[in-house]
C-alpha cells in the first residue's frame, strides 16, 4: 500500500509540474522576420462572418483606396455562427426578449431593451442603405417580416403586464399590443394555443415590426460586393496561425493555406479579429498586455426544427418565453419562424450543449489551448461562482428526446416527435474577464476590444451579436479611428446611418421617419404610431411584402378587439 501511495504521489507531482510548465508556456506568436520591401496591407480581417463583412463594407465606403485582406478557415464565408442554421435568426429588438427587462423593487428596468432596440434600428438603416446602393439584393433573401411575441402563463402574467406598462412609455415600443384572451393569442400564434388547457392563465404582447434575419445571406452578399473592388482580397481555406508586432509598429499576420499546406504572412497596419468563438484564442497570440484579462467559456446549442408545411403554414411569428429560474440568459425558450434560402421552417430551442470547441468546426482542444497562467485562476473562480450554470448545463446535456419534446409541448402542446428533427446550432464563447483589482466575472453579452494604440481590434462574446453587427462595428470604428469618425468620415456615416449620433428613444418623430423608410425598403410591417405621423406616410402595401411562400400567415387581430390593448 505504501509503495502504491508513493507511486501515486510521484505521478500527481509529475502531472502538476507538467501542468505548471504548460500554463507558463509562451502564448504570444514568435516574431516574423520581415523584409523592408514587403507590401503593407491597410486592414486584415480575420474571420469571414457577418462582423468582418460589415466592417469591411464600412471601411470600403469610408476609404475606397484602402487595401483589405480577409482570411477565412472554411471554404466559404458565412458558414460558422452566421450560417442560417447556426442561429435563431432573430432581429433582436427587445420587443419579446424578457431577459432584456428585469423587475427590481417593484419597478421594471427596461434600459437594456431600449439599448438593443436602438441598436437594431441602426442595423436596419445600414442594410437599407446597402439595398439602395445595390450592395444587398432583394431584401426577401435576408430579412422577412415576422411578429415578435412575448408569451407567458401562470404566475408570469403579472410580470408581462408590468413589462408592457413600462415598455410602452418608450417610443421604441409604442404600438405594442397586450392580451390575455386565448382567442386573440391563437390568432397571433395558432400553434402556441392549440391543445392548451383552457383554464390556464395566459398573456402575450406583440410587435408587428419584428423580423427574421438570415445573417449568412447578408454576409455572403456583402463579401461578394467587396470582391468587386480591386482593393479587397478574400482568402478562404486559410487559417491564421500567428499575429506578431513588427519593429515599424505594423503587424505580421501569419497564415496557412489548408489545401496546399503552404505558410506565409502579410504585413498590415490594422487587424480585426472577427472569428467568433476563436477570437479570444487569436487575440492571445498578439501578446498584448490588455488581452491577458480574457478567457472563454464555450456553450453550444441545439434546436428542434421542422419544415412540415402543415406546421410552418400555421406559424409566422417569433414567440419568446421566460427563462426558468436559475437558467442563463441564452437559454430563453422560443418557437420561431425561420426563412432560410427561400424555405420556411419552424424551430424551437435552444437546448444547451457542451463542447470544448470554440467554433462549431473547431477542435476539442480549443479550451485547453486557450488556458494559461493569466486566466486559469479567473476561470476557476468563475466556475465555482456559477455552479447553478454548471448544473443547468449538466441537466441540458442529459436530456432525452422525450425530455426535449416535453419542453416543446410547453409552447406547442400538440407537437409530435415525428415532425421534428434535432439540429446542432453554432458554438458560442462567453467572456470571462478579469480586470485589475476586480473579481473575475462571466459576461453574456458582446464586447468590443481595441488595443491601446488602436492597431488591433476584436469582437468577443455572443448575443445579441449578429443582429446588431452594424451598430457594433460602428462602435469599433469610433474606438479604433476616433479622429476619422469625428472628422472626414462623419458625413458619410450620417449618410449610411441617418440617425447616427442621435437618440431615437428621445426623438419619436425621427424614429417614425426612420422606421417608415427602412420598413419600406426592407419590406417590413410598420404603421406610424407617434405624434405627428400620418397614415399617408406609411409605406404602401407592407402586408403584401410578406414572403411569397407564406400564403397562410395568421390573420391579425381586429383593431376593435376589446381583449387587445395597444399603445
Protein backbone atom coordinates (compact mmCIF):
# COMPACT_ATOMS: atom_id res chain seq x y z
CA UNK A 1 0.00 0.00 0.00
CA UNK A 2 2.83 2.39 0.88
CA UNK A 3 4.51 1.67 -2.42
CA UNK A 4 1.26 2.39 -4.29
CA UNK A 5 0.76 5.70 -2.46
CA UNK A 6 4.36 6.67 -3.19
CA UNK A 7 3.94 5.96 -6.91
CA UNK A 8 0.60 7.83 -6.91
CA UNK A 9 2.23 10.80 -5.19
CA UNK A 10 5.04 10.88 -7.74
CA UNK A 11 2.53 10.72 -10.61
CA UNK A 12 0.50 13.59 -9.13
CA UNK A 13 3.68 15.65 -8.71
CA UNK A 14 4.76 14.96 -12.30
CA UNK A 15 1.33 15.90 -13.63
CA UNK A 16 1.37 19.08 -11.53
CA UNK A 17 4.81 20.05 -12.86
CA UNK A 18 3.73 19.35 -16.47
CA UNK A 19 0.59 21.41 -15.84
CA UNK A 20 2.61 24.35 -14.50
CA UNK A 21 5.01 24.18 -17.42
CA UNK A 22 2.05 24.19 -19.80
CA UNK A 23 0.32 27.11 -18.07
CA UNK A 24 3.52 29.19 -18.11
CA UNK A 25 4.30 28.46 -21.76
CA UNK A 26 4.74 31.41 -24.15
CA UNK A 27 1.42 32.18 -25.80
CA UNK A 28 2.36 35.16 -27.97
CA UNK A 29 3.35 34.45 -31.57
CA UNK A 30 7.02 34.38 -32.46
CA UNK A 31 8.21 37.47 -34.26
CA UNK A 32 8.34 37.17 -38.05
CA UNK A 33 11.49 38.17 -39.89
CA UNK A 34 10.01 40.60 -42.37
CA UNK A 35 11.61 42.43 -45.28
CA UNK A 36 11.69 46.19 -45.78
CA UNK A 37 10.21 45.80 -49.25
CA UNK A 38 7.21 43.74 -48.02
CA UNK A 39 3.94 45.42 -49.07
CA UNK A 40 1.76 46.64 -46.21
CA UNK A 41 -1.99 45.99 -46.32
CA UNK A 42 -4.13 48.63 -44.65
CA UNK A 43 -6.54 46.21 -42.97
CA UNK A 44 -6.63 42.47 -42.23
CA UNK A 45 -9.98 40.93 -41.33
CA UNK A 46 -9.68 37.57 -39.59
CA UNK A 47 -12.85 35.54 -40.00
CA UNK A 48 -15.41 35.51 -42.80
CA UNK A 49 -18.54 36.12 -40.73
CA UNK A 50 -21.01 38.98 -40.56
CA UNK A 51 -18.78 41.13 -38.34
CA UNK A 52 -15.82 41.15 -40.75
CA UNK A 53 -18.16 41.56 -43.73
CA UNK A 54 -19.84 44.55 -42.08
CA UNK A 55 -16.59 46.21 -41.03
CA UNK A 56 -15.09 45.63 -44.48
CA UNK A 57 -18.15 47.25 -46.07
CA UNK A 58 -17.94 50.29 -43.80
CA UNK A 59 -14.22 50.77 -44.48
CA UNK A 60 -14.58 50.33 -48.24
CA UNK A 61 -17.24 53.04 -48.28
CA UNK A 62 -15.25 55.35 -45.99
CA UNK A 63 -11.81 54.74 -47.51
CA UNK A 64 -12.19 53.32 -51.04
CA UNK A 65 -8.42 53.26 -51.58
CA UNK A 66 -7.58 51.22 -48.50
CA UNK A 67 -6.39 47.67 -49.18
CA UNK A 68 -8.20 44.93 -47.25
CA UNK A 69 -7.49 41.21 -46.92
CA UNK A 70 -9.97 38.77 -45.36
CA UNK A 71 -8.94 35.32 -44.07
CA UNK A 72 -11.48 32.52 -43.52
CA UNK A 73 -10.52 28.97 -42.48
CA UNK A 74 -13.58 27.35 -44.10
CA UNK A 75 -14.02 27.14 -47.87
CA UNK A 76 -16.84 29.73 -47.85
CA UNK A 77 -17.71 32.84 -45.85
CA UNK A 78 -20.74 32.96 -43.56
CA UNK A 79 -20.67 29.27 -42.68
CA UNK A 80 -19.89 29.37 -38.95
CA UNK A 81 -22.08 31.30 -36.47
CA UNK A 82 -23.55 33.46 -39.26
CA UNK A 83 -24.98 30.46 -41.12
CA UNK A 84 -28.78 30.42 -41.12
CA UNK A 85 -28.98 27.05 -39.35
CA UNK A 86 -26.43 28.00 -36.69
CA UNK A 87 -28.52 30.73 -35.03
CA UNK A 88 -32.17 31.61 -34.40
CA UNK A 89 -32.20 34.44 -36.96
CA UNK A 90 -33.83 36.88 -34.57
CA UNK A 91 -33.63 40.57 -35.33
CA UNK A 92 -33.15 41.34 -31.64
CA UNK A 93 -35.15 44.47 -30.81
CA UNK A 94 -36.09 43.94 -27.17
CA UNK A 95 -39.75 43.52 -28.19
CA UNK A 96 -40.17 39.97 -26.84
CA UNK A 97 -36.87 39.12 -25.12
CA UNK A 98 -37.96 39.23 -21.48
CA UNK A 99 -34.38 38.66 -20.31
CA UNK A 100 -33.69 42.23 -21.50
CA UNK A 101 -36.05 43.55 -18.82
CA UNK A 102 -35.93 42.93 -15.09
CA UNK A 103 -38.04 43.80 -12.09
CA UNK A 104 -36.26 45.42 -9.16
CA UNK A 105 -38.07 46.58 -6.02
CA UNK A 106 -41.37 46.56 -7.88
CA UNK A 107 -40.05 48.66 -10.76
CA UNK A 108 -39.42 47.41 -14.27
CA UNK A 109 -35.98 48.18 -15.68
CA UNK A 110 -36.18 48.37 -19.50
CA UNK A 111 -32.83 50.08 -20.19
CA UNK A 112 -31.27 47.06 -21.88
CA UNK A 113 -34.34 46.59 -24.08
CA UNK A 114 -34.12 50.26 -25.12
CA UNK A 115 -30.42 49.89 -25.91
CA UNK A 116 -30.91 46.76 -28.01
CA UNK A 117 -33.92 48.22 -29.84
CA UNK A 118 -31.94 51.37 -30.68
CA UNK A 119 -29.03 49.29 -31.93
CA UNK A 120 -31.24 47.20 -34.21
CA UNK A 121 -32.62 50.41 -35.73
CA UNK A 122 -29.01 51.18 -36.73
CA UNK A 123 -28.73 47.71 -38.28
CA UNK A 124 -31.88 48.22 -40.36
CA UNK A 125 -30.61 51.59 -41.57
CA UNK A 126 -27.27 50.05 -42.60
CA UNK A 127 -28.95 47.20 -44.50
CA UNK A 128 -31.48 49.57 -46.07
CA UNK A 129 -28.65 51.79 -47.30
CA UNK A 130 -26.88 48.77 -48.80
CA UNK A 131 -30.07 47.73 -50.61
CA UNK A 132 -30.43 51.22 -52.09
CA UNK A 133 -26.78 51.13 -53.19
CA UNK A 134 -27.19 47.73 -54.84
CA UNK A 135 -24.77 46.08 -52.39
CA UNK A 136 -27.51 43.86 -50.94
CA UNK A 137 -30.08 42.30 -53.25
CA UNK A 138 -33.76 41.56 -52.80
CA UNK A 139 -34.50 42.07 -49.07
CA UNK A 140 -36.53 38.84 -49.00
CA UNK A 141 -33.25 36.96 -49.42
CA UNK A 142 -32.08 38.10 -45.98
CA UNK A 143 -34.91 39.72 -43.95
CA UNK A 144 -38.63 39.00 -43.65
CA UNK A 145 -41.46 40.49 -41.57
CA UNK A 146 -42.31 38.31 -38.58
CA UNK A 147 -44.30 39.35 -35.50
CA UNK A 148 -42.33 39.38 -32.24
CA UNK A 149 -44.43 37.93 -29.41
CA UNK A 150 -43.67 37.54 -25.71
CA UNK A 151 -45.74 34.70 -24.21
CA UNK A 152 -46.23 33.66 -20.59
CA UNK A 153 -48.59 31.66 -18.47
CA UNK A 154 -49.50 31.23 -14.80
CA UNK A 155 -47.78 33.49 -12.29
CA UNK A 156 -45.75 35.23 -15.02
CA UNK A 157 -48.85 37.01 -16.39
CA UNK A 158 -48.42 39.81 -13.84
CA UNK A 159 -44.80 40.23 -14.89
CA UNK A 160 -45.80 40.67 -18.52
CA UNK A 161 -48.46 43.23 -17.58
CA UNK A 162 -45.87 45.28 -15.70
CA UNK A 163 -43.37 44.88 -18.51
CA UNK A 164 -45.86 46.10 -21.10
CA UNK A 165 -46.86 49.09 -18.97
CA UNK A 166 -43.20 50.13 -18.69
CA UNK A 167 -42.26 49.38 -22.30
CA UNK A 168 -44.97 51.49 -23.94
CA UNK A 169 -43.60 54.59 -22.20
CA UNK A 170 -40.74 54.42 -24.71
CA UNK A 171 -41.33 55.50 -28.34
CA UNK A 172 -39.37 52.42 -29.42
CA UNK A 173 -42.15 50.16 -28.12
CA UNK A 174 -45.23 52.21 -28.91
CA UNK A 175 -47.79 50.08 -30.69
CA UNK A 176 -47.01 47.05 -28.54
CA UNK A 177 -50.25 45.12 -28.03
CA UNK A 178 -51.09 43.03 -24.98
CA UNK A 179 -53.83 40.48 -24.48
CA UNK A 180 -54.86 37.81 -22.00
CA UNK A 181 -57.52 36.44 -24.33
CA UNK A 182 -56.63 32.93 -25.56
CA UNK A 183 -58.64 33.51 -28.76
CA UNK A 184 -56.55 36.53 -29.69
CA UNK A 185 -53.29 34.76 -28.91
CA UNK A 186 -54.50 31.90 -31.12
CA UNK A 187 -54.89 34.41 -33.97
CA UNK A 188 -51.35 35.67 -33.40
CA UNK A 189 -49.67 32.28 -32.91
CA UNK A 190 -52.02 29.32 -33.53
CA UNK A 191 -49.53 26.58 -32.64
CA UNK A 192 -48.97 28.00 -29.17
CA UNK A 193 -52.67 27.73 -28.22
CA UNK A 194 -53.74 24.53 -29.97
CA UNK A 195 -54.43 21.88 -27.35
CA UNK A 196 -53.60 24.16 -24.42
CA UNK A 197 -55.54 23.83 -21.15
CA UNK A 198 -58.41 26.34 -21.38
CA UNK A 199 -58.16 27.01 -17.65
CA UNK A 200 -54.50 28.09 -17.86
CA UNK A 201 -53.98 31.85 -17.44
CA UNK A 202 -52.01 33.16 -20.42
CA UNK A 203 -50.83 36.52 -21.73
CA UNK A 204 -48.91 37.79 -24.73
CA UNK A 205 -47.56 41.01 -26.19
CA UNK A 206 -46.99 41.60 -29.88
CA UNK A 207 -44.96 43.97 -32.04
CA UNK A 208 -45.64 43.67 -35.77
CA UNK A 209 -42.43 45.46 -36.81
CA UNK A 210 -40.37 42.38 -35.90
CA UNK A 211 -38.21 40.43 -38.33
CA UNK A 212 -36.44 37.18 -39.13
CA UNK A 213 -32.93 37.67 -40.49
CA UNK A 214 -30.61 35.35 -42.41
CA UNK A 215 -27.19 36.61 -41.32
CA UNK A 216 -25.38 34.12 -43.51
CA UNK A 217 -27.08 35.57 -46.58
CA UNK A 218 -26.14 39.12 -45.58
CA UNK A 219 -22.53 38.01 -45.06
CA UNK A 220 -22.25 36.34 -48.44
CA UNK A 221 -23.81 39.29 -50.26
CA UNK A 222 -21.60 41.87 -48.52
CA UNK A 223 -18.44 39.88 -49.24
CA UNK A 224 -19.49 39.28 -52.86
CA UNK A 225 -19.74 43.04 -53.27
CA UNK A 226 -16.35 43.59 -51.61
CA UNK A 227 -14.82 41.19 -54.11
CA UNK A 228 -15.80 43.58 -56.90
CA UNK A 229 -13.19 46.04 -55.56
CA UNK A 230 -9.57 45.61 -56.61
CA UNK A 231 -8.51 46.76 -53.14
CA UNK A 232 -10.11 43.70 -51.49
CA UNK A 233 -8.88 40.11 -51.45
CA UNK A 234 -10.65 37.10 -49.93
CA UNK A 235 -8.56 34.13 -48.76
CA UNK A 236 -10.67 31.04 -47.94
CA UNK A 237 -9.43 27.67 -46.64
CA UNK A 238 -6.78 29.74 -44.90
CA UNK A 239 -6.10 29.55 -41.17
CA UNK A 240 -4.39 32.35 -39.23
CA UNK A 241 -1.62 30.84 -37.13
CA UNK A 242 0.13 33.88 -35.68
CA UNK A 243 -0.13 37.63 -35.07
CA UNK A 244 3.08 39.46 -34.14
CA UNK A 245 4.24 43.05 -33.83
CA UNK A 246 6.91 44.36 -36.21
CA UNK A 247 9.61 46.90 -35.40
CA UNK A 248 7.90 49.52 -37.58
CA UNK A 249 4.69 49.21 -35.47
CA UNK A 250 2.86 47.24 -38.19
CA UNK A 251 1.67 43.69 -37.57
CA UNK A 252 2.51 40.42 -39.30
CA UNK A 253 -0.40 38.04 -39.64
CA UNK A 254 0.84 34.52 -40.29
CA UNK A 255 -1.42 32.08 -42.11
CA UNK A 256 -1.51 28.61 -43.58
CA UNK A 257 -3.25 27.50 -46.77
CA UNK A 258 -5.19 24.43 -45.60
CA UNK A 259 -5.31 22.93 -49.10
CA UNK A 260 -1.63 23.23 -50.04
CA UNK A 261 -0.11 23.35 -46.55
CA UNK A 262 1.91 26.43 -47.53
CA UNK A 263 2.54 29.05 -44.83
CA UNK A 264 3.14 32.75 -45.33
CA UNK A 265 2.43 36.13 -43.76
CA UNK A 266 1.05 39.57 -44.57
CA UNK A 267 2.04 42.89 -43.05
CA UNK A 268 -0.76 45.21 -42.01
CA UNK A 269 -1.45 48.46 -40.18
CA UNK A 270 -4.73 47.31 -38.62
CA UNK A 271 -6.03 43.91 -37.51
CA UNK A 272 -9.64 42.99 -36.78
CA UNK A 273 -10.32 39.60 -35.21
CA UNK A 274 -13.90 38.67 -36.05
CA UNK A 275 -13.51 34.94 -35.72
CA UNK A 276 -16.47 34.20 -33.47
CA UNK A 277 -15.56 31.97 -30.55
CA UNK A 278 -11.96 31.69 -31.75
CA UNK A 279 -11.40 35.44 -31.27
CA UNK A 280 -10.11 35.04 -27.70
CA UNK A 281 -7.56 32.41 -28.73
CA UNK A 282 -6.35 34.56 -31.65
CA UNK A 283 -6.22 37.70 -29.52
CA UNK A 284 -3.85 35.91 -27.13
CA UNK A 285 -1.39 35.44 -29.99
CA UNK A 286 -0.79 39.21 -30.13
CA UNK A 287 0.88 39.21 -26.73
CA UNK A 288 -0.85 42.50 -25.92
CA UNK A 289 -0.94 43.14 -22.19
CA UNK A 290 -4.59 44.17 -22.32
CA UNK A 291 -5.53 40.86 -23.97
CA UNK A 292 -4.43 38.86 -20.94
CA UNK A 293 -7.57 39.67 -18.96
CA UNK A 294 -9.77 37.41 -21.12
CA UNK A 295 -10.73 33.75 -21.07
CA UNK A 296 -13.59 31.92 -22.75
CA UNK A 297 -16.38 29.58 -21.68
CA UNK A 298 -17.83 27.65 -24.66
CA UNK A 299 -21.52 26.77 -24.85
CA UNK A 300 -23.30 25.20 -27.79
CA UNK A 301 -26.95 24.92 -28.69
CA UNK A 302 -29.36 22.56 -30.40
CA UNK A 303 -32.76 23.25 -31.90
CA UNK A 304 -35.73 21.14 -32.81
CA UNK A 305 -36.64 22.08 -36.39
CA UNK A 306 -39.41 21.23 -38.84
CA UNK A 307 -40.20 22.07 -42.46
CA UNK A 308 -43.55 20.26 -42.44
CA UNK A 309 -45.85 22.63 -44.42
CA UNK A 310 -48.83 21.71 -42.24
CA UNK A 311 -46.96 23.19 -39.28
CA UNK A 312 -44.99 26.03 -40.86
CA UNK A 313 -48.14 27.42 -42.57
CA UNK A 314 -49.71 27.96 -39.14
CA UNK A 315 -46.83 29.85 -37.55
CA UNK A 316 -45.49 33.21 -38.71
CA UNK A 317 -44.06 34.62 -35.50
CA UNK A 318 -41.15 34.52 -33.13
CA UNK A 319 -42.59 33.62 -29.74
CA UNK A 320 -40.27 34.04 -26.78
CA UNK A 321 -40.95 32.69 -23.31
CA UNK A 322 -39.31 33.40 -19.99
CA UNK A 323 -36.21 31.53 -18.89
CA UNK A 324 -36.71 29.24 -15.92
CA UNK A 325 -35.31 30.27 -12.54
CA UNK A 326 -31.54 29.77 -12.42
CA UNK A 327 -31.16 29.38 -16.19
CA UNK A 328 -28.68 31.65 -18.04
CA UNK A 329 -29.91 34.40 -20.39
CA UNK A 330 -29.02 32.48 -23.55
CA UNK A 331 -31.41 29.69 -22.52
CA UNK A 332 -34.64 31.64 -23.16
CA UNK A 333 -37.02 29.19 -24.92
CA UNK A 334 -38.60 30.33 -28.18
CA UNK A 335 -40.55 28.87 -31.08
CA UNK A 336 -39.60 30.73 -34.23
CA UNK A 337 -40.43 31.17 -37.87
CA UNK A 338 -37.26 30.97 -39.97
CA UNK A 339 -36.75 31.76 -43.66
CA UNK A 340 -33.54 30.20 -44.95
CA UNK A 341 -32.65 30.20 -48.64
CA UNK A 342 -36.26 30.73 -49.67
CA UNK A 343 -37.73 27.99 -47.49
CA UNK A 344 -39.85 28.36 -44.36
CA UNK A 345 -39.04 26.47 -41.15
CA UNK A 346 -40.17 26.49 -37.54
CA UNK A 347 -37.58 25.88 -34.84
CA UNK A 348 -37.72 25.54 -31.07
CA UNK A 349 -34.98 25.80 -28.51
CA UNK A 350 -32.27 26.29 -27.63
CA UNK A 351 -31.11 23.23 -25.75
CA UNK A 352 -27.66 23.86 -24.36
CA UNK A 353 -24.80 21.53 -25.28
CA UNK A 354 -21.26 21.43 -24.00
CA UNK A 355 -18.11 21.11 -26.06
CA UNK A 356 -14.55 22.31 -25.59
CA UNK A 357 -14.71 23.66 -29.13
CA UNK A 358 -14.68 27.44 -29.66
CA UNK A 359 -16.21 27.01 -33.13
CA UNK A 360 -18.71 24.51 -34.50
CA UNK A 361 -15.96 23.44 -36.90
CA UNK A 362 -13.26 23.84 -34.27
CA UNK A 363 -11.16 21.48 -32.16
CA UNK A 364 -11.89 19.80 -28.83
CA UNK A 365 -8.53 21.22 -27.75
CA UNK A 366 -9.66 24.85 -28.16
CA UNK A 367 -10.46 25.45 -24.48
CA UNK A 368 -7.29 23.67 -23.37
CA UNK A 369 -5.14 25.70 -25.77
CA UNK A 370 -6.62 29.00 -24.58
CA UNK A 371 -5.87 28.27 -20.90
CA UNK A 372 -2.70 29.80 -19.46
CA UNK A 373 -1.21 31.35 -16.32
CA UNK A 374 -3.10 34.60 -16.89
CA UNK A 375 -6.61 33.16 -16.97
CA UNK A 376 -6.59 29.78 -15.18
CA UNK A 377 -7.43 31.27 -11.76
CA UNK A 378 -10.19 33.57 -13.07
CA UNK A 379 -11.68 30.61 -14.95
CA UNK A 380 -11.62 28.50 -11.79
CA UNK A 381 -13.16 31.30 -9.71
CA UNK A 382 -15.95 31.89 -12.22
CA UNK A 383 -16.67 28.16 -12.37
CA UNK A 384 -17.05 27.98 -8.58
CA UNK A 385 -19.24 31.10 -8.52
CA UNK A 386 -21.55 29.80 -11.26
CA UNK A 387 -22.39 26.31 -10.04
CA UNK A 388 -26.04 26.94 -11.00
CA UNK A 389 -24.91 27.36 -14.60
CA UNK A 390 -22.86 24.16 -14.38
CA UNK A 391 -25.89 22.30 -13.01
CA UNK A 392 -28.08 23.75 -15.75
CA UNK A 393 -25.65 22.64 -18.46
CA UNK A 394 -25.46 19.15 -16.97
CA UNK A 395 -29.26 18.90 -16.94
CA UNK A 396 -29.45 20.08 -20.56
CA UNK A 397 -26.77 17.71 -21.81
CA UNK A 398 -28.50 14.77 -20.16
CA UNK A 399 -31.89 15.48 -21.79
CA UNK A 400 -33.51 12.68 -23.76
CA UNK A 401 -35.56 13.05 -26.94
CA UNK A 402 -38.71 12.76 -24.82
CA UNK A 403 -37.47 15.49 -22.49
CA UNK A 404 -36.91 17.84 -25.42
CA UNK A 405 -40.34 17.04 -26.85
CA UNK A 406 -41.94 17.82 -23.49
CA UNK A 407 -40.22 21.21 -23.47
CA UNK A 408 -41.54 21.87 -26.97
CA UNK A 409 -45.05 20.96 -25.85
CA UNK A 410 -44.99 23.85 -23.37
CA UNK A 411 -45.07 26.11 -26.47
CA UNK A 412 -46.76 23.78 -28.95
CA UNK A 413 -48.97 21.40 -26.94
CA UNK A 414 -49.91 19.24 -29.95
CA UNK A 415 -46.33 18.70 -31.15
CA UNK A 416 -45.49 15.21 -32.44
CA UNK A 417 -41.99 13.77 -32.38
CA UNK A 418 -42.11 12.54 -35.98
CA UNK A 419 -42.44 16.10 -37.31
CA UNK A 420 -39.21 17.36 -35.75
CA UNK A 421 -35.50 16.69 -36.05
CA UNK A 422 -32.66 17.83 -33.80
CA UNK A 423 -30.27 20.32 -35.40
CA UNK A 424 -26.89 21.37 -33.97
CA UNK A 425 -26.57 25.15 -33.86
CA UNK A 426 -23.44 27.24 -33.65
CA UNK A 427 -20.91 27.40 -30.86
CA UNK A 428 -20.78 30.47 -28.60
CA UNK A 429 -17.98 31.50 -26.28
CA UNK A 430 -18.98 33.61 -23.30
CA UNK A 431 -16.37 36.02 -21.96
CA UNK A 432 -14.60 35.52 -18.66
CA UNK A 433 -12.94 38.82 -17.79
CA UNK A 434 -10.51 39.70 -15.00
CA UNK A 435 -9.79 43.40 -14.72
CA UNK A 436 -7.19 44.78 -12.29
CA UNK A 437 -8.43 44.98 -8.69
CA UNK A 438 -11.78 43.45 -9.67
CA UNK A 439 -13.08 39.89 -9.30
CA UNK A 440 -13.35 37.77 -12.42
CA UNK A 441 -16.80 37.76 -13.99
CA UNK A 442 -18.70 35.82 -16.63
CA UNK A 443 -20.24 38.09 -19.29
CA UNK A 444 -23.15 37.07 -21.51
CA UNK A 445 -23.10 39.95 -24.00
CA UNK A 446 -20.63 41.14 -26.59
CA UNK A 447 -17.54 43.27 -26.04
CA UNK A 448 -15.55 45.36 -28.49
CA UNK A 449 -11.82 45.12 -27.83
CA UNK A 450 -9.45 47.78 -29.14
CA UNK A 451 -5.77 47.86 -28.20
CA UNK A 452 -4.30 50.93 -26.51
CA UNK A 453 -2.61 52.01 -29.75
CA UNK A 454 -5.80 51.32 -31.79
CA UNK A 455 -4.00 48.92 -34.14
CA UNK A 456 -5.68 45.64 -33.05
CA UNK A 457 -9.38 45.09 -32.51
CA UNK A 458 -11.63 42.13 -31.84
CA UNK A 459 -15.23 41.24 -31.12
CA UNK A 460 -15.66 38.95 -28.14
CA UNK A 461 -18.75 37.28 -26.70
CA UNK A 462 -22.15 36.29 -28.06
CA UNK A 463 -25.77 37.53 -28.16
CA UNK A 464 -27.20 39.85 -29.41
CA UNK A 465 -24.20 39.80 -31.75
CA UNK A 466 -25.17 39.44 -35.42
CA UNK A 467 -28.46 41.32 -35.18
CA UNK A 468 -26.66 44.47 -34.06
CA UNK A 469 -23.49 43.95 -36.12
CA UNK A 470 -23.72 47.34 -37.94
CA UNK A 471 -24.02 49.12 -34.57
CA UNK A 472 -21.20 47.06 -33.05
CA UNK A 473 -18.86 47.75 -35.95
CA UNK A 474 -19.77 51.45 -35.82
CA UNK A 475 -18.76 51.40 -32.16
CA UNK A 476 -15.49 49.72 -33.14
CA UNK A 477 -14.81 52.45 -35.72
CA UNK A 478 -15.37 55.09 -33.05
CA UNK A 479 -12.87 53.41 -30.73
CA UNK A 480 -10.22 52.45 -33.28
CA UNK A 481 -10.43 55.52 -35.57
CA UNK A 482 -11.72 58.34 -33.33
CA UNK A 483 -10.16 61.20 -35.34
CA UNK A 484 -11.55 59.97 -38.68
CA UNK A 485 -15.02 59.30 -37.23
CA UNK A 486 -15.18 62.76 -35.73
CA UNK A 487 -13.78 64.36 -38.88
CA UNK A 488 -13.67 63.24 -42.51
CA UNK A 489 -15.79 60.09 -42.08
CA UNK A 490 -18.62 61.77 -40.19
CA UNK A 491 -20.74 62.97 -43.15
CA UNK A 492 -20.56 59.54 -44.83
CA UNK A 493 -21.52 57.77 -41.61
CA UNK A 494 -24.58 60.03 -41.33
CA UNK A 495 -25.44 59.11 -44.92
CA UNK A 496 -25.23 55.40 -44.15
CA UNK A 497 -26.98 55.63 -40.76
CA UNK A 498 -29.33 58.61 -40.81
CA UNK A 499 -29.87 58.59 -37.03
CA UNK A 500 -26.15 58.38 -36.24
CA UNK A 501 -25.25 60.25 -33.02
CA UNK A 502 -28.93 60.86 -32.26
CA UNK A 503 -31.11 59.26 -29.58
CA UNK A 504 -34.10 57.63 -31.23
CA UNK A 505 -35.70 56.95 -27.87
CA UNK A 506 -35.76 60.72 -27.21
CA UNK A 507 -36.99 61.72 -30.69
CA UNK A 508 -40.26 59.96 -31.63
CA UNK A 509 -40.66 61.90 -34.88
CA UNK A 510 -37.18 60.90 -36.09
CA UNK A 511 -37.81 57.29 -35.04
CA UNK A 512 -41.02 57.28 -37.04
CA UNK A 513 -39.31 58.64 -40.17
CA UNK A 514 -36.50 56.12 -39.86
CA UNK A 515 -38.86 53.16 -39.37
CA UNK A 516 -41.05 54.24 -42.28
CA UNK A 517 -38.02 54.46 -44.55
CA UNK A 518 -36.32 51.21 -43.50
CA UNK A 519 -39.60 49.26 -43.44
CA UNK A 520 -40.47 50.43 -46.94
CA UNK A 521 -37.01 49.49 -48.23
CA UNK A 522 -36.70 46.16 -46.39
CA UNK A 523 -40.34 45.08 -46.78
CA UNK A 524 -41.16 45.10 -43.07
CA UNK A 525 -44.51 45.80 -41.39
CA UNK A 526 -44.78 49.21 -39.75
CA UNK A 527 -47.64 51.58 -39.15
CA UNK A 528 -46.91 55.15 -37.93
CA UNK A 529 -47.86 55.40 -34.28
CA UNK A 530 -46.25 58.54 -32.92
CA UNK A 531 -47.35 62.14 -32.66
CA UNK A 532 -47.04 63.97 -35.96
CA UNK A 533 -47.24 60.82 -38.10
CA UNK A 534 -49.98 60.44 -40.68
CA UNK A 535 -51.36 57.45 -42.46
CA UNK A 536 -50.15 58.79 -45.77
CA UNK A 537 -46.55 58.35 -44.61
CA UNK A 538 -46.88 54.60 -44.29
CA UNK A 539 -45.13 52.50 -46.95
CA UNK A 540 -47.62 51.16 -49.48
CA UNK A 541 -48.97 47.64 -49.01
CA UNK A 542 -46.47 46.44 -46.43
CA UNK A 543 -48.74 43.48 -45.82
CA UNK A 544 -48.20 42.48 -49.44
CA UNK A 545 -44.49 42.24 -48.76
CA UNK A 546 -44.77 39.05 -46.74
CA UNK A 547 -42.65 36.20 -48.12
CA UNK A 548 -44.08 34.52 -51.21
CA UNK A 549 -44.07 31.07 -49.60
CA UNK A 550 -46.13 32.31 -46.65
CA UNK A 551 -49.64 32.28 -48.04
CA UNK A 552 -51.24 31.11 -44.82
CA UNK A 553 -49.89 33.60 -42.29
CA UNK A 554 -52.28 34.05 -39.34
CA UNK A 555 -54.70 36.95 -39.61
CA UNK A 556 -54.12 39.99 -37.43
CA UNK A 557 -56.48 40.64 -34.54
CA UNK A 558 -59.16 43.20 -35.24
CA UNK A 559 -58.30 46.73 -34.25
CA UNK A 560 -61.63 46.83 -32.40
CA UNK A 561 -60.97 43.62 -30.46
CA UNK A 562 -61.68 44.63 -26.83
CA UNK A 563 -59.34 41.97 -25.45
CA UNK A 564 -56.33 43.68 -27.00
CA UNK A 565 -54.70 46.80 -25.66
CA UNK A 566 -52.44 48.77 -28.00
CA UNK A 567 -50.44 51.82 -27.10
